[in-house]
Amino acid sequence: MDGLRVIPTWRHGRERLYVCLPDGGNLAWYDRETARVNLLADDREEAVLEALGPFLTGPVSVGPPPVPTPAELARLSLHPDDDLAPNRPGEALLIALDRDPGPPRLLRPDPRRGALAAERTVGEALDRMDGAGWHALHSIPLPGGDRVHHLLIGPGGLYAVHALYARGQRVTVADPQVKLGRHEPRPLLRRVRADAGRASYALTAEVHPVLVLVGASDVTVPVPPREVRVLADGEVDSLSRLGGVLKPADVEALHAMARDRNTWAGL
C-alpha cells in the first residue's frame, strides 16, 4: 500500500476518509454519504482503493473531485467574519446573556431566556431540513439593531421565520395583534411582515413571513392573517413539504448571498 494512511475527519457533519502519503500529502478522500472516492492523483487509483478496502461497505464511484459551483466558490471566498452560516439559533441572545446574565431567576424570569428557548426550538427544527435541499440561517443582524430570527431557503421558496415564546399560554392572533395569555396584545405581525420585506429587498427575491408559536397551550386565529403563516412549533417541518418554486442552483445562489453579512448592511 506504499505506506498510505487513512485518516477519518468530519466536515460539515459528514465523515470523510482521507488517503494520505507518509509525508501528509493527500491523494484522495472517500465520502461515505455519496459513496464516492475523489482522486487527486489518477495514477494512484489502485493503491488508494487498496488502502480504503477495509472501510468500503459497497460499490463506490471513483473519479476527480467535482468542480465547485459558482455558489460554492463565492462561499469559499467569503471572509469568516462576514459569514453568517455559523450563527447558532438565538446567537444574538446568547451573546447578550453572556455579557449581561441579568437578575437571578429566583427574583424574576428574564424574558430573554424564554425567547432564546423559542429560537433554539425553531432553529433545531429548521436545521433538520438540511438534507432535503433546504438551508437555514439564524439570527441575521439588520441595521438599527433588529434581526431576522431565522431565514429558510429551499425548493419551496424563502421564509423569514419569527419565533415567539408562548409556553403554556393561550394565544390569539387577530391581525396585526398577537395576544399572549393575559398580556396586552401587541402588533407583532407588523414586525414579522417588516422583517420579511427587508429580507426581500436585500435578496431581491420574494421572502414569505412566518410566525411560529412555541409551547402555546391553545391558539385562536379567527381570520387568517394577511400574508403571514402562523404555525405551532410542532408544525415547522410542514415548510419542508413545499416545493416547485426554486431550482437547486437558485437555492444555492440565494444561500450564498444570504450568508454574507454585507448583503444586509445597506438596508
C-alpha atoms as a PDB file:
ATOM      1  CA  MET A   1       0.000   0.000   0.000  1.00  0.00           C
ATOM      2  CA  ASP A   2       3.068   2.256  -0.372  1.00  0.00           C
ATOM      3  CA  GLY A   3       2.768   3.336   3.257  1.00  0.00           C
ATOM      4  CA  LEU A   4      -0.518   5.126   2.623  1.00  0.00           C
ATOM      5  CA  ARG A   5      -2.536   6.137   5.660  1.00  0.00           C
ATOM      6  CA  VAL A   6      -6.308   6.503   6.013  1.00  0.00           C
ATOM      7  CA  ILE A   7      -7.339   9.375   8.301  1.00  0.00           C
ATOM      8  CA  PRO A   8     -11.019   9.927   9.252  1.00  0.00           C
ATOM      9  CA  THR A   9     -12.275  13.521   9.540  1.00  0.00           C
ATOM     10  CA  TRP A  10     -15.609  15.311   9.831  1.00  0.00           C
ATOM     11  CA  ARG A  11     -16.597  18.247   7.617  1.00  0.00           C
ATOM     12  CA  HIS A  12     -19.972  19.975   7.992  1.00  0.00           C
ATOM     13  CA  GLY A  13     -21.345  16.960   9.852  1.00  0.00           C
ATOM     14  CA  ARG A  14     -20.249  14.451   7.193  1.00  0.00           C
ATOM     15  CA  GLU A  15     -17.498  11.841   7.588  1.00  0.00           C
ATOM     16  CA  ARG A  16     -14.626  11.756   5.121  1.00  0.00           C
ATOM     17  CA  LEU A  17     -11.742   9.330   4.984  1.00  0.00           C
ATOM     18  CA  TYR A  18      -8.575  10.921   3.603  1.00  0.00           C
ATOM     19  CA  VAL A  19      -5.875   8.768   2.000  1.00  0.00           C
ATOM     20  CA  CYS A  20      -2.518  10.384   2.739  1.00  0.00           C
ATOM     21  CA  LEU A  21       1.109   9.861   1.809  1.00  0.00           C
ATOM     22  CA  PRO A  22       3.677   9.271   4.572  1.00  0.00           C
ATOM     23  CA  ASP A  23       4.626  12.971   4.389  1.00  0.00           C
ATOM     24  CA  GLY A  24       0.996  14.014   4.966  1.00  0.00           C
ATOM     25  CA  GLY A  25       0.081  14.916   1.380  1.00  0.00           C
ATOM     26  CA  ASN A  26      -3.414  13.969   0.278  1.00  0.00           C
ATOM     27  CA  LEU A  27      -4.041  11.517  -2.551  1.00  0.00           C
ATOM     28  CA  ALA A  28      -7.823  11.114  -2.263  1.00  0.00           C
ATOM     29  CA  TRP A  29     -10.809  11.208   0.029  1.00  0.00           C
ATOM     30  CA  TYR A  30     -13.777   8.891   0.440  1.00  0.00           C
ATOM     31  CA  ASP A  31     -17.172  10.430   1.185  1.00  0.00           C
ATOM     32  CA  ARG A  32     -19.331   7.772   2.851  1.00  0.00           C
ATOM     33  CA  GLU A  33     -22.585   9.634   2.252  1.00  0.00           C
ATOM     34  CA  THR A  34     -22.135   9.836  -1.529  1.00  0.00           C
ATOM     35  CA  ALA A  35     -20.152   6.552  -1.778  1.00  0.00           C
ATOM     36  CA  ARG A  36     -17.553   8.324  -3.908  1.00  0.00           C
ATOM     37  CA  VAL A  37     -13.765   8.242  -3.881  1.00  0.00           C
ATOM     38  CA  ASN A  38     -12.381  11.580  -5.081  1.00  0.00           C
ATOM     39  CA  LEU A  39      -8.921  11.117  -6.593  1.00  0.00           C
ATOM     40  CA  LEU A  40      -6.302  13.830  -6.675  1.00  0.00           C
ATOM     41  CA  ALA A  41      -3.796  11.587  -8.485  1.00  0.00           C
ATOM     42  CA  ASP A  42      -5.163   9.359 -11.238  1.00  0.00           C
ATOM     43  CA  ASP A  43      -2.063   7.167 -11.356  1.00  0.00           C
ATOM     44  CA  ARG A  44      -2.565   6.065  -7.715  1.00  0.00           C
ATOM     45  CA  GLU A  45      -6.129   4.760  -8.039  1.00  0.00           C
ATOM     46  CA  GLU A  46      -5.222   1.123  -7.393  1.00  0.00           C
ATOM     47  CA  ALA A  47      -3.156   1.935  -4.296  1.00  0.00           C
ATOM     48  CA  VAL A  48      -5.872   4.272  -2.949  1.00  0.00           C
ATOM     49  CA  LEU A  49      -8.626   1.665  -3.329  1.00  0.00           C
ATOM     50  CA  GLU A  50      -6.405  -0.947  -1.664  1.00  0.00           C
ATOM     51  CA  ALA A  51      -5.837   1.353   1.310  1.00  0.00           C
ATOM     52  CA  LEU A  52      -9.556   2.088   1.587  1.00  0.00           C
ATOM     53  CA  GLY A  53     -10.514  -1.566   1.168  1.00  0.00           C
ATOM     54  CA  PRO A  54     -11.285  -2.264   4.855  1.00  0.00           C
ATOM     55  CA  PHE A  55     -13.526   0.810   5.007  1.00  0.00           C
ATOM     56  CA  LEU A  56     -15.617   0.308   1.860  1.00  0.00           C
ATOM     57  CA  THR A  57     -19.015  -1.265   2.515  1.00  0.00           C
ATOM     58  CA  GLY A  58     -20.346  -1.491  -1.033  1.00  0.00           C
ATOM     59  CA  PRO A  59     -19.838  -0.266  -4.590  1.00  0.00           C
ATOM     60  CA  VAL A  60     -18.297   3.183  -4.958  1.00  0.00           C
ATOM     61  CA  SER A  61     -17.742   5.635  -7.791  1.00  0.00           C
ATOM     62  CA  VAL A  62     -14.195   6.818  -8.437  1.00  0.00           C
ATOM     63  CA  GLY A  63     -13.097   9.998 -10.165  1.00  0.00           C
ATOM     64  CA  PRO A  64     -11.687  13.503  -9.804  1.00  0.00           C
ATOM     65  CA  PRO A  65     -13.280  15.900  -7.284  1.00  0.00           C
ATOM     66  CA  PRO A  66     -16.344  17.735  -8.605  1.00  0.00           C
ATOM     67  CA  VAL A  67     -15.799  21.227  -9.997  1.00  0.00           C
ATOM     68  CA  PRO A  68     -17.056  23.839  -7.493  1.00  0.00           C
ATOM     69  CA  THR A  69     -20.236  25.645  -8.478  1.00  0.00           C
ATOM     70  CA  PRO A  70     -20.289  29.462  -8.591  1.00  0.00           C
ATOM     71  CA  ALA A  71     -22.161  29.447  -5.264  1.00  0.00           C
ATOM     72  CA  GLU A  72     -19.510  27.227  -3.676  1.00  0.00           C
ATOM     73  CA  LEU A  73     -16.734  29.459  -4.972  1.00  0.00           C
ATOM     74  CA  ALA A  74     -18.482  32.517  -3.532  1.00  0.00           C
ATOM     75  CA  ARG A  75     -18.773  30.765  -0.185  1.00  0.00           C
ATOM     76  CA  LEU A  76     -15.113  29.793  -0.184  1.00  0.00           C
ATOM     77  CA  SER A  77     -14.091  33.392  -0.859  1.00  0.00           C
ATOM     78  CA  LEU A  78     -16.226  34.768   1.980  1.00  0.00           C
ATOM     79  CA  HIS A  79     -14.262  36.175   4.929  1.00  0.00           C
ATOM     80  CA  PRO A  80     -15.043  34.250   8.157  1.00  0.00           C
ATOM     81  CA  ASP A  81     -16.106  37.463   9.926  1.00  0.00           C
ATOM     82  CA  ASP A  82     -18.724  38.070   7.227  1.00  0.00           C
ATOM     83  CA  ASP A  83     -20.110  34.531   7.136  1.00  0.00           C
ATOM     84  CA  LEU A  84     -23.447  34.222   8.963  1.00  0.00           C
ATOM     85  CA  ALA A  85     -23.780  30.475   8.411  1.00  0.00           C
ATOM     86  CA  PRO A  86     -22.053  29.535  11.714  1.00  0.00           C
ATOM     87  CA  ASN A  87     -24.594  31.575  13.709  1.00  0.00           C
ATOM     88  CA  ARG A  88     -26.430  29.412  16.227  1.00  0.00           C
ATOM     89  CA  PRO A  89     -30.179  29.784  16.759  1.00  0.00           C
ATOM     90  CA  GLY A  90     -30.539  32.751  19.108  1.00  0.00           C
ATOM     91  CA  GLU A  91     -26.928  33.842  18.565  1.00  0.00           C
ATOM     92  CA  ALA A  92     -27.646  37.480  19.435  1.00  0.00           C
ATOM     93  CA  LEU A  93     -29.443  36.484  22.643  1.00  0.00           C
ATOM     94  CA  LEU A  94     -26.618  34.144  23.631  1.00  0.00           C
ATOM     95  CA  ILE A  95     -24.124  36.988  23.271  1.00  0.00           C
ATOM     96  CA  ALA A  96     -26.364  39.393  25.205  1.00  0.00           C
ATOM     97  CA  LEU A  97     -26.880  36.925  28.073  1.00  0.00           C
ATOM     98  CA  ASP A  98     -23.165  36.217  28.215  1.00  0.00           C
ATOM     99  CA  ARG A  99     -22.403  39.932  28.542  1.00  0.00           C
ATOM    100  CA  ASP A 100     -25.240  40.606  30.984  1.00  0.00           C
ATOM    101  CA  PRO A 101     -26.734  37.493  32.636  1.00  0.00           C
ATOM    102  CA  GLY A 102     -29.427  39.607  34.300  1.00  0.00           C
ATOM    103  CA  PRO A 103     -31.018  39.064  37.728  1.00  0.00           C
ATOM    104  CA  PRO A 104     -31.091  35.631  39.382  1.00  0.00           C
ATOM    105  CA  ARG A 105     -34.020  33.561  38.159  1.00  0.00           C
ATOM    106  CA  LEU A 106     -35.484  33.396  41.661  1.00  0.00           C
ATOM    107  CA  LEU A 107     -36.167  37.131  41.600  1.00  0.00           C
ATOM    108  CA  ARG A 108     -37.998  37.320  38.265  1.00  0.00           C
ATOM    109  CA  PRO A 109     -37.764  35.428  34.995  1.00  0.00           C
ATOM    110  CA  ASP A 110     -35.615  37.011  32.307  1.00  0.00           C
ATOM    111  CA  PRO A 111     -37.723  37.200  29.118  1.00  0.00           C
ATOM    112  CA  ARG A 112     -34.576  36.800  27.043  1.00  0.00           C
ATOM    113  CA  ARG A 113     -34.219  33.213  28.254  1.00  0.00           C
ATOM    114  CA  GLY A 114     -37.704  32.311  27.079  1.00  0.00           C
ATOM    115  CA  ALA A 115     -37.023  33.994  23.734  1.00  0.00           C
ATOM    116  CA  LEU A 116     -33.768  32.031  23.452  1.00  0.00           C
ATOM    117  CA  ALA A 117     -35.572  28.753  24.157  1.00  0.00           C
ATOM    118  CA  ALA A 118     -38.088  29.570  21.418  1.00  0.00           C
ATOM    119  CA  GLU A 119     -35.410  30.383  18.833  1.00  0.00           C
ATOM    120  CA  ARG A 120     -33.498  27.223  19.690  1.00  0.00           C
ATOM    121  CA  THR A 121     -36.605  25.076  19.309  1.00  0.00           C
ATOM    122  CA  VAL A 122     -37.464  26.571  15.930  1.00  0.00           C
ATOM    123  CA  GLY A 123     -33.845  26.668  14.755  1.00  0.00           C
ATOM    124  CA  GLU A 124     -33.306  22.991  15.507  1.00  0.00           C
ATOM    125  CA  ALA A 125     -36.448  22.095  13.557  1.00  0.00           C
ATOM    126  CA  LEU A 126     -35.274  24.146  10.581  1.00  0.00           C
ATOM    127  CA  ASP A 127     -31.774  22.659  10.682  1.00  0.00           C
ATOM    128  CA  ARG A 128     -33.260  19.175  10.381  1.00  0.00           C
ATOM    129  CA  MET A 129     -34.476  20.115   6.875  1.00  0.00           C
ATOM    130  CA  ASP A 130     -30.917  20.495   5.586  1.00  0.00           C
ATOM    131  CA  GLY A 131     -30.822  17.058   3.975  1.00  0.00           C
ATOM    132  CA  ALA A 132     -33.978  17.786   1.964  1.00  0.00           C
ATOM    133  CA  GLY A 133     -32.401  20.599  -0.063  1.00  0.00           C
ATOM    134  CA  TRP A 134     -33.146  23.403   2.411  1.00  0.00           C
ATOM    135  CA  HIS A 135     -30.752  25.793   4.156  1.00  0.00           C
ATOM    136  CA  ALA A 136     -31.431  27.687   7.386  1.00  0.00           C
ATOM    137  CA  LEU A 137     -29.598  30.775   8.618  1.00  0.00           C
ATOM    138  CA  HIS A 138     -30.091  32.098  12.125  1.00  0.00           C
ATOM    139  CA  SER A 139     -30.024  35.441  13.924  1.00  0.00           C
ATOM    140  CA  ILE A 140     -29.362  37.592  10.863  1.00  0.00           C
ATOM    141  CA  PRO A 141     -28.432  41.113  12.020  1.00  0.00           C
ATOM    142  CA  LEU A 142     -30.171  44.077  10.405  1.00  0.00           C
ATOM    143  CA  PRO A 143     -29.150  47.739  10.607  1.00  0.00           C
ATOM    144  CA  GLY A 144     -30.727  49.502  13.571  1.00  0.00           C
ATOM    145  CA  GLY A 145     -30.388  46.591  15.969  1.00  0.00           C
ATOM    146  CA  ASP A 146     -33.176  44.422  14.530  1.00  0.00           C
ATOM    147  CA  ARG A 147     -32.649  40.900  13.248  1.00  0.00           C
ATOM    148  CA  VAL A 148     -34.355  38.113  11.376  1.00  0.00           C
ATOM    149  CA  HIS A 149     -34.678  35.181  13.787  1.00  0.00           C
ATOM    150  CA  HIS A 150     -34.364  32.565  11.025  1.00  0.00           C
ATOM    151  CA  LEU A 151     -34.191  32.566   7.243  1.00  0.00           C
ATOM    152  CA  LEU A 152     -35.180  29.357   5.448  1.00  0.00           C
ATOM    153  CA  ILE A 153     -34.206  28.863   1.792  1.00  0.00           C
ATOM    154  CA  GLY A 154     -35.206  25.858  -0.251  1.00  0.00           C
ATOM    155  CA  PRO A 155     -37.274  24.363  -3.073  1.00  0.00           C
ATOM    156  CA  GLY A 156     -40.436  25.969  -1.713  1.00  0.00           C
ATOM    157  CA  GLY A 157     -39.005  29.492  -1.635  1.00  0.00           C
ATOM    158  CA  LEU A 158     -37.687  31.806   1.078  1.00  0.00           C
ATOM    159  CA  TYR A 159     -39.185  32.279   4.535  1.00  0.00           C
ATOM    160  CA  ALA A 160     -38.382  34.782   7.290  1.00  0.00           C
ATOM    161  CA  VAL A 161     -39.331  32.893  10.463  1.00  0.00           C
ATOM    162  CA  HIS A 162     -40.053  34.679  13.741  1.00  0.00           C
ATOM    163  CA  ALA A 163     -40.147  32.546  16.918  1.00  0.00           C
ATOM    164  CA  LEU A 164     -42.422  33.613  19.788  1.00  0.00           C
ATOM    165  CA  TYR A 165     -42.147  32.047  23.240  1.00  0.00           C
ATOM    166  CA  ALA A 166     -45.669  31.185  24.414  1.00  0.00           C
ATOM    167  CA  ARG A 167     -45.140  28.323  26.831  1.00  0.00           C
ATOM    168  CA  GLY A 168     -48.402  27.247  28.473  1.00  0.00           C
ATOM    169  CA  GLN A 169     -50.299  30.330  27.284  1.00  0.00           C
ATOM    170  CA  ARG A 170     -53.385  30.835  25.167  1.00  0.00           C
ATOM    171  CA  VAL A 171     -52.584  32.816  22.046  1.00  0.00           C
ATOM    172  CA  THR A 172     -54.995  34.851  19.951  1.00  0.00           C
ATOM    173  CA  VAL A 173     -53.859  36.157  16.572  1.00  0.00           C
ATOM    174  CA  ALA A 174     -56.023  38.989  15.219  1.00  0.00           C
ATOM    175  CA  ASP A 175     -54.048  40.752  12.504  1.00  0.00           C
ATOM    176  CA  PRO A 176     -51.886  42.650  13.318  1.00  0.00           C
ATOM    177  CA  GLN A 177     -52.285  41.931  17.034  1.00  0.00           C
ATOM    178  CA  VAL A 178     -50.952  38.891  18.899  1.00  0.00           C
ATOM    179  CA  LYS A 179     -52.202  38.371  22.446  1.00  0.00           C
ATOM    180  CA  LEU A 180     -50.409  36.057  24.892  1.00  0.00           C
ATOM    181  CA  GLY A 181     -52.457  34.938  27.876  1.00  0.00           C
ATOM    182  CA  ARG A 182     -53.487  37.947  29.962  1.00  0.00           C
ATOM    183  CA  HIS A 183     -50.877  40.250  28.484  1.00  0.00           C
ATOM    184  CA  GLU A 184     -51.864  43.210  26.373  1.00  0.00           C
ATOM    185  CA  PRO A 185     -51.930  42.418  22.643  1.00  0.00           C
ATOM    186  CA  ARG A 186     -49.012  43.620  20.512  1.00  0.00           C
ATOM    187  CA  PRO A 187     -48.951  44.371  16.764  1.00  0.00           C
ATOM    188  CA  LEU A 188     -46.335  41.664  16.265  1.00  0.00           C
ATOM    189  CA  LEU A 189     -47.429  40.739  12.741  1.00  0.00           C
ATOM    190  CA  ARG A 190     -46.280  44.153  11.530  1.00  0.00           C
ATOM    191  CA  ARG A 191     -42.769  43.276  12.714  1.00  0.00           C
ATOM    192  CA  VAL A 192     -42.941  39.820  11.122  1.00  0.00           C
ATOM    193  CA  ARG A 193     -44.021  41.288   7.764  1.00  0.00           C
ATOM    194  CA  ALA A 194     -41.427  44.061   8.005  1.00  0.00           C
ATOM    195  CA  ASP A 195     -38.609  41.557   8.565  1.00  0.00           C
ATOM    196  CA  ALA A 196     -39.702  39.574   5.511  1.00  0.00           C
ATOM    197  CA  GLY A 197     -39.939  42.788   3.494  1.00  0.00           C
ATOM    198  CA  ARG A 198     -36.404  43.832   4.392  1.00  0.00           C
ATOM    199  CA  ALA A 199     -35.138  40.359   3.533  1.00  0.00           C
ATOM    200  CA  SER A 200     -36.918  40.543   0.167  1.00  0.00           C
ATOM    201  CA  TYR A 201     -35.215  43.858  -0.551  1.00  0.00           C
ATOM    202  CA  ALA A 202     -31.764  42.548   0.427  1.00  0.00           C
ATOM    203  CA  LEU A 203     -32.034  39.349  -1.612  1.00  0.00           C
ATOM    204  CA  THR A 204     -34.102  40.770  -4.496  1.00  0.00           C
ATOM    205  CA  ALA A 205     -36.430  37.779  -4.137  1.00  0.00           C
ATOM    206  CA  GLU A 206     -39.808  37.233  -2.504  1.00  0.00           C
ATOM    207  CA  VAL A 207     -39.499  36.246   1.163  1.00  0.00           C
ATOM    208  CA  HIS A 208     -42.599  34.971   2.959  1.00  0.00           C
ATOM    209  CA  PRO A 209     -43.230  35.850   6.629  1.00  0.00           C
ATOM    210  CA  VAL A 210     -43.832  33.062   9.172  1.00  0.00           C
ATOM    211  CA  LEU A 211     -44.726  33.300  12.870  1.00  0.00           C
ATOM    212  CA  VAL A 212     -44.059  30.207  14.988  1.00  0.00           C
ATOM    213  CA  LEU A 213     -45.730  29.985  18.400  1.00  0.00           C
ATOM    214  CA  VAL A 214     -43.556  27.862  20.686  1.00  0.00           C
ATOM    215  CA  GLY A 215     -45.225  25.947  23.511  1.00  0.00           C
ATOM    216  CA  ALA A 216     -48.668  27.592  23.269  1.00  0.00           C
ATOM    217  CA  SER A 217     -51.438  25.716  25.096  1.00  0.00           C
ATOM    218  CA  ASP A 218     -54.093  26.938  22.660  1.00  0.00           C
ATOM    219  CA  VAL A 219     -54.071  29.048  19.506  1.00  0.00           C
ATOM    220  CA  THR A 220     -57.002  31.013  18.144  1.00  0.00           C
ATOM    221  CA  VAL A 221     -56.842  32.625  14.699  1.00  0.00           C
ATOM    222  CA  PRO A 222     -60.337  33.986  13.889  1.00  0.00           C
ATOM    223  CA  VAL A 223     -59.290  35.156  10.408  1.00  0.00           C
ATOM    224  CA  PRO A 224     -56.090  34.022   8.635  1.00  0.00           C
ATOM    225  CA  PRO A 225     -53.693  36.989   8.721  1.00  0.00           C
ATOM    226  CA  ARG A 226     -52.610  38.674   5.513  1.00  0.00           C
ATOM    227  CA  GLU A 227     -49.515  37.002   4.027  1.00  0.00           C
ATOM    228  CA  VAL A 228     -48.255  35.557   7.338  1.00  0.00           C
ATOM    229  CA  ARG A 229     -48.212  31.828   8.034  1.00  0.00           C
ATOM    230  CA  VAL A 230     -48.922  31.084  11.705  1.00  0.00           C
ATOM    231  CA  LEU A 231     -47.564  27.729  12.905  1.00  0.00           C
ATOM    232  CA  ALA A 232     -47.156  25.865  16.166  1.00  0.00           C
ATOM    233  CA  ASP A 233     -43.628  24.669  16.867  1.00  0.00           C
ATOM    234  CA  GLY A 234     -44.668  21.108  16.003  1.00  0.00           C
ATOM    235  CA  GLU A 235     -45.695  22.233  12.525  1.00  0.00           C
ATOM    236  CA  VAL A 236     -42.406  23.789  11.408  1.00  0.00           C
ATOM    237  CA  ASP A 237     -41.479  20.753   9.325  1.00  0.00           C
ATOM    238  CA  SER A 238     -44.550  21.381   7.152  1.00  0.00           C
ATOM    239  CA  LEU A 239     -42.446  24.006   5.370  1.00  0.00           C
ATOM    240  CA  SER A 240     -40.169  21.251   4.078  1.00  0.00           C
ATOM    241  CA  ARG A 241     -43.056  19.798   2.065  1.00  0.00           C
ATOM    242  CA  LEU A 242     -43.373  22.950  -0.029  1.00  0.00           C
ATOM    243  CA  GLY A 243     -41.726  22.893  -3.440  1.00  0.00           C
ATOM    244  CA  GLY A 244     -41.878  23.830  -7.066  1.00  0.00           C
ATOM    245  CA  VAL A 245     -40.569  27.385  -6.643  1.00  0.00           C
ATOM    246  CA  LEU A 246     -36.757  27.362  -6.731  1.00  0.00           C
ATOM    247  CA  LYS A 247     -34.316  25.172  -8.624  1.00  0.00           C
ATOM    248  CA  PRO A 248     -31.348  23.727  -6.695  1.00  0.00           C
ATOM    249  CA  ALA A 249     -28.928  26.174  -8.349  1.00  0.00           C
ATOM    250  CA  ASP A 250     -31.148  29.110  -7.320  1.00  0.00           C
ATOM    251  CA  VAL A 251     -31.312  27.801  -3.749  1.00  0.00           C
ATOM    252  CA  GLU A 252     -27.520  27.616  -3.555  1.00  0.00           C
ATOM    253  CA  ALA A 253     -27.042  31.059  -5.084  1.00  0.00           C
ATOM    254  CA  LEU A 254     -29.526  32.685  -2.685  1.00  0.00           C
ATOM    255  CA  HIS A 255     -27.983  30.879   0.274  1.00  0.00           C
ATOM    256  CA  ALA A 256     -24.518  32.133  -0.706  1.00  0.00           C
ATOM    257  CA  MET A 257     -25.889  35.690  -0.923  1.00  0.00           C
ATOM    258  CA  ALA A 258     -27.856  35.497   2.332  1.00  0.00           C
ATOM    259  CA  ARG A 259     -24.996  34.186   4.438  1.00  0.00           C
ATOM    260  CA  ASP A 260     -22.824  37.210   3.529  1.00  0.00           C
ATOM    261  CA  ARG A 261     -23.165  39.862   6.243  1.00  0.00           C
ATOM    262  CA  ASN A 262     -22.583  42.587   3.655  1.00  0.00           C
ATOM    263  CA  THR A 263     -25.825  41.634   1.889  1.00  0.00           C
ATOM    264  CA  TRP A 264     -27.769  43.031   4.838  1.00  0.00           C
ATOM    265  CA  ALA A 265     -25.625  46.061   5.660  1.00  0.00           C
ATOM    266  CA  GLY A 266     -27.303  48.501   3.278  1.00  0.00           C
ATOM    267  CA  LEU A 267     -30.905  48.065   4.441  1.00  0.00           C
END
